[in-house]
Each structure stands twice: as C-alpha cells, then as structure tokens.
Amino acid sequence: MTDDFSVRPPRTLTPEERKARDAARRADAEQAMREHEAAQKAFHQNRERLKAERLAREAKAREKARVASTHAGRQE
C-alpha cells in the first residue's frame, strides 16, 4: 500500500484571473459588511424597543404601587 501524498505547487494565476479573484473577494467583503451592518441595526432597534417596553411596564407598576399605597393609607 503506497499512498503518494506529494504536495503540488500552487497554480500560478494569470493577471486577469488575479484581478477577477480580487474583484470577487472585494464584492463578497462588501456584501458581508452590508449584511453585518443591517443585522447590527436590527439588533439595536429591537433592543431599544424592548427597553422602552420594559421602562413602560416598570413605570406602570410604580404608579400602581403608589396608588395602592395612598389608598391603603386612607382605609385605616
């Protein structure tokens, strides 16, 4: 059993192939950045929405507790 695992030298690209490869890489990187920025924007918008909802719930709970405590004082 003889396995030949010799390493082939890398294929040399022509200038046209290199330009095409570089253009494709650039386009892929730009697309990835656009997708990342869109995901970040959506994340931050969702976080702000959830924060506003939480603050509204807390304010409502504080108001309810304040009203309950003033009514409890009147009943005595």
N, C-alpha and C. Protein backbone atom coordinates (compact mmCIF):
# COMPACT_ATOMS: atom_id res chain seq x y z
N MET A 1 0.84 -1.17 0.00
CA MET A 1 0.00 0.00 0.00
C MET A 1 0.89 1.24 0.00
N THR A 2 0.90 1.90 -1.09
CA THR A 2 1.75 3.10 -1.20
C THR A 2 0.86 4.29 -1.52
N ASP A 3 0.75 5.15 -0.55
CA ASP A 3 -0.02 6.38 -0.74
C ASP A 3 0.94 7.50 -1.08
N ASP A 4 0.66 8.18 -2.15
CA ASP A 4 1.51 9.28 -2.57
C ASP A 4 0.84 10.59 -2.14
N PHE A 5 1.38 11.21 -1.11
CA PHE A 5 0.84 12.46 -0.60
C PHE A 5 1.76 13.62 -0.95
N SER A 6 2.29 13.59 -2.13
CA SER A 6 3.20 14.67 -2.51
C SER A 6 2.41 15.96 -2.67
N VAL A 7 3.05 17.04 -2.37
CA VAL A 7 2.42 18.35 -2.42
C VAL A 7 2.61 18.94 -3.80
N ARG A 8 1.49 19.38 -4.36
CA ARG A 8 1.58 20.03 -5.67
C ARG A 8 1.88 21.51 -5.46
N PRO A 9 2.67 22.07 -6.29
CA PRO A 9 2.92 23.51 -6.17
C PRO A 9 1.64 24.27 -6.54
N PRO A 10 1.41 25.41 -5.90
CA PRO A 10 0.19 26.17 -6.20
C PRO A 10 0.18 26.62 -7.66
N ARG A 11 -1.00 26.67 -8.22
CA ARG A 11 -1.16 27.08 -9.61
C ARG A 11 -0.95 28.59 -9.69
N THR A 12 -0.18 29.01 -10.62
CA THR A 12 0.08 30.43 -10.81
C THR A 12 -1.09 31.05 -11.58
N LEU A 13 -1.63 32.14 -11.02
CA LEU A 13 -2.75 32.81 -11.66
C LEU A 13 -2.26 33.81 -12.70
N THR A 14 -3.02 33.93 -13.73
CA THR A 14 -2.71 34.98 -14.72
C THR A 14 -3.17 36.31 -14.14
N PRO A 15 -2.65 37.41 -14.66
CA PRO A 15 -3.09 38.72 -14.15
C PRO A 15 -4.61 38.91 -14.25
N GLU A 16 -5.22 38.40 -15.31
CA GLU A 16 -6.67 38.53 -15.46
C GLU A 16 -7.40 37.73 -14.38
N GLU A 17 -6.92 36.51 -14.12
CA GLU A 17 -7.54 35.68 -13.09
C GLU A 17 -7.37 36.32 -11.71
N ARG A 18 -6.21 36.89 -11.47
CA ARG A 18 -5.95 37.54 -10.19
C ARG A 18 -6.90 38.73 -9.99
N LYS A 19 -7.08 39.53 -11.07
CA LYS A 19 -7.99 40.69 -10.98
C LYS A 19 -9.41 40.22 -10.73
N ALA A 20 -9.83 39.17 -11.41
CA ALA A 20 -11.18 38.64 -11.22
C ALA A 20 -11.36 38.10 -9.80
N ARG A 21 -10.34 37.39 -9.31
CA ARG A 21 -10.41 36.87 -7.94
C ARG A 21 -10.49 38.00 -6.93
N ASP A 22 -9.66 39.03 -7.11
CA ASP A 22 -9.66 40.16 -6.19
C ASP A 22 -10.99 40.91 -6.23
N ALA A 23 -11.56 41.08 -7.42
CA ALA A 23 -12.85 41.76 -7.55
C ALA A 23 -13.95 40.95 -6.85
N ALA A 24 -13.92 39.65 -7.00
CA ALA A 24 -14.91 38.80 -6.35
C ALA A 24 -14.76 38.85 -4.84
N ARG A 25 -13.53 38.83 -4.36
CA ARG A 25 -13.30 38.92 -2.91
C ARG A 25 -13.79 40.26 -2.37
N ARG A 26 -13.51 41.33 -3.10
CA ARG A 26 -13.94 42.66 -2.69
C ARG A 26 -15.48 42.73 -2.62
N ALA A 27 -16.13 42.20 -3.65
CA ALA A 27 -17.60 42.20 -3.68
C ALA A 27 -18.16 41.37 -2.52
N ASP A 28 -17.56 40.22 -2.24
CA ASP A 28 -18.01 39.39 -1.13
C ASP A 28 -17.83 40.12 0.21
N ALA A 29 -16.71 40.79 0.37
CA ALA A 29 -16.45 41.52 1.61
C ALA A 29 -17.44 42.67 1.79
N GLU A 30 -17.73 43.38 0.71
CA GLU A 30 -18.68 44.48 0.80
C GLU A 30 -20.07 43.96 1.15
N GLN A 31 -20.47 42.85 0.55
CA GLN A 31 -21.78 42.25 0.86
C GLN A 31 -21.82 41.82 2.32
N ALA A 32 -20.76 41.21 2.79
CA ALA A 32 -20.71 40.77 4.19
C ALA A 32 -20.83 41.96 5.13
N MET A 33 -20.17 43.07 4.80
CA MET A 33 -20.26 44.26 5.64
C MET A 33 -21.67 44.83 5.64
N ARG A 34 -22.32 44.86 4.47
CA ARG A 34 -23.71 45.34 4.41
C ARG A 34 -24.62 44.47 5.27
N GLU A 35 -24.46 43.17 5.18
CA GLU A 35 -25.28 42.26 5.97
C GLU A 35 -25.03 42.44 7.46
N HIS A 36 -23.76 42.61 7.82
CA HIS A 36 -23.41 42.80 9.23
C HIS A 36 -24.02 44.11 9.76
N GLU A 37 -23.91 45.18 8.99
CA GLU A 37 -24.46 46.46 9.42
C GLU A 37 -25.98 46.39 9.55
N ALA A 38 -26.64 45.69 8.64
CA ALA A 38 -28.09 45.54 8.72
C ALA A 38 -28.48 44.74 9.96
N ALA A 39 -27.73 43.70 10.26
CA ALA A 39 -28.01 42.88 11.44
C ALA A 39 -27.79 43.70 12.71
N GLN A 40 -26.73 44.49 12.75
CA GLN A 40 -26.46 45.34 13.91
C GLN A 40 -27.58 46.37 14.10
N LYS A 41 -28.02 46.98 13.01
CA LYS A 41 -29.08 47.98 13.08
C LYS A 41 -30.37 47.35 13.61
N ALA A 42 -30.72 46.18 13.11
CA ALA A 42 -31.92 45.48 13.56
C ALA A 42 -31.80 45.11 15.04
N PHE A 43 -30.63 44.67 15.44
CA PHE A 43 -30.41 44.30 16.85
C PHE A 43 -30.61 45.50 17.75
N HIS A 44 -30.01 46.64 17.39
CA HIS A 44 -30.12 47.83 18.23
C HIS A 44 -31.55 48.37 18.26
N GLN A 45 -32.25 48.32 17.14
CA GLN A 45 -33.64 48.76 17.12
C GLN A 45 -34.50 47.88 18.02
N ASN A 46 -34.29 46.59 17.95
CA ASN A 46 -35.04 45.66 18.79
C ASN A 46 -34.72 45.89 20.26
N ARG A 47 -33.46 46.10 20.57
CA ARG A 47 -33.07 46.34 21.96
C ARG A 47 -33.72 47.60 22.49
N GLU A 48 -33.74 48.67 21.70
CA GLU A 48 -34.37 49.92 22.12
C GLU A 48 -35.88 49.74 22.31
N ARG A 49 -36.52 48.98 21.43
CA ARG A 49 -37.96 48.72 21.56
C ARG A 49 -38.24 47.97 22.85
N LEU A 50 -37.44 46.92 23.12
CA LEU A 50 -37.63 46.14 24.34
C LEU A 50 -37.36 46.98 25.58
N LYS A 51 -36.37 47.86 25.52
CA LYS A 51 -36.06 48.74 26.65
C LYS A 51 -37.24 49.67 26.92
N ALA A 52 -37.82 50.25 25.87
CA ALA A 52 -38.96 51.14 26.04
C ALA A 52 -40.15 50.39 26.65
N GLU A 53 -40.38 49.16 26.19
CA GLU A 53 -41.47 48.36 26.75
C GLU A 53 -41.22 48.07 28.23
N ARG A 54 -39.98 47.73 28.57
CA ARG A 54 -39.65 47.43 29.97
C ARG A 54 -39.84 48.66 30.83
N LEU A 55 -39.36 49.81 30.38
CA LEU A 55 -39.50 51.04 31.16
C LEU A 55 -40.97 51.41 31.35
N ALA A 56 -41.78 51.18 30.33
CA ALA A 56 -43.21 51.46 30.44
C ALA A 56 -43.86 50.53 31.47
N ARG A 57 -43.49 49.25 31.44
CA ARG A 57 -44.04 48.30 32.43
C ARG A 57 -43.64 48.70 33.85
N GLU A 58 -42.35 49.08 34.02
CA GLU A 58 -41.88 49.46 35.34
C GLU A 58 -42.57 50.72 35.82
N ALA A 59 -42.77 51.69 34.94
CA ALA A 59 -43.45 52.92 35.33
C ALA A 59 -44.89 52.62 35.73
N LYS A 60 -45.55 51.75 34.99
CA LYS A 60 -46.94 51.38 35.30
C LYS A 60 -46.99 50.68 36.65
N ALA A 61 -46.04 49.80 36.93
CA ALA A 61 -46.00 49.09 38.20
C ALA A 61 -45.74 50.06 39.34
N ARG A 62 -44.84 51.02 39.14
CA ARG A 62 -44.58 52.02 40.18
C ARG A 62 -45.83 52.85 40.45
N GLU A 63 -46.52 53.26 39.40
CA GLU A 63 -47.73 54.06 39.55
C GLU A 63 -48.81 53.25 40.28
N LYS A 64 -48.94 51.99 39.92
CA LYS A 64 -49.93 51.13 40.57
C LYS A 64 -49.60 50.96 42.05
N ALA A 65 -48.32 50.78 42.38
CA ALA A 65 -47.89 50.64 43.77
C ALA A 65 -48.13 51.94 44.52
N ARG A 66 -47.88 53.07 43.88
CA ARG A 66 -48.08 54.37 44.54
C ARG A 66 -49.56 54.59 44.83
N VAL A 67 -50.41 54.29 43.88
CA VAL A 67 -51.85 54.44 44.06
C VAL A 67 -52.35 53.50 45.14
N ALA A 68 -51.85 52.26 45.15
CA ALA A 68 -52.26 51.29 46.15
C ALA A 68 -51.83 51.75 47.53
N SER A 69 -50.66 52.33 47.66
CA SER A 69 -50.19 52.77 48.98
C SER A 69 -50.98 53.98 49.46
N THR A 70 -51.40 54.88 48.57
CA THR A 70 -52.22 56.02 49.01
C THR A 70 -53.62 55.57 49.40
N HIS A 71 -54.17 54.58 48.72
CA HIS A 71 -55.49 54.07 49.08
C HIS A 71 -55.41 53.28 50.40
N ALA A 72 -54.32 52.59 50.64
CA ALA A 72 -54.16 51.83 51.88
C ALA A 72 -54.10 52.78 53.06
N GLY A 73 -53.50 53.92 52.91
CA GLY A 73 -53.41 54.90 53.99
C GLY A 73 -54.77 55.51 54.31
N ARG A 74 -55.65 55.64 53.38
CA ARG A 74 -56.97 56.22 53.59
C ARG A 74 -57.93 55.24 54.29
N GLN A 75 -57.69 53.97 54.11
CA GLN A 75 -58.60 52.96 54.66
C GLN A 75 -58.40 52.80 56.15
N GLU A 76 -57.29 53.21 56.68
CA GLU A 76 -57.00 52.99 58.10
C GLU A 76 -57.76 53.90 58.98
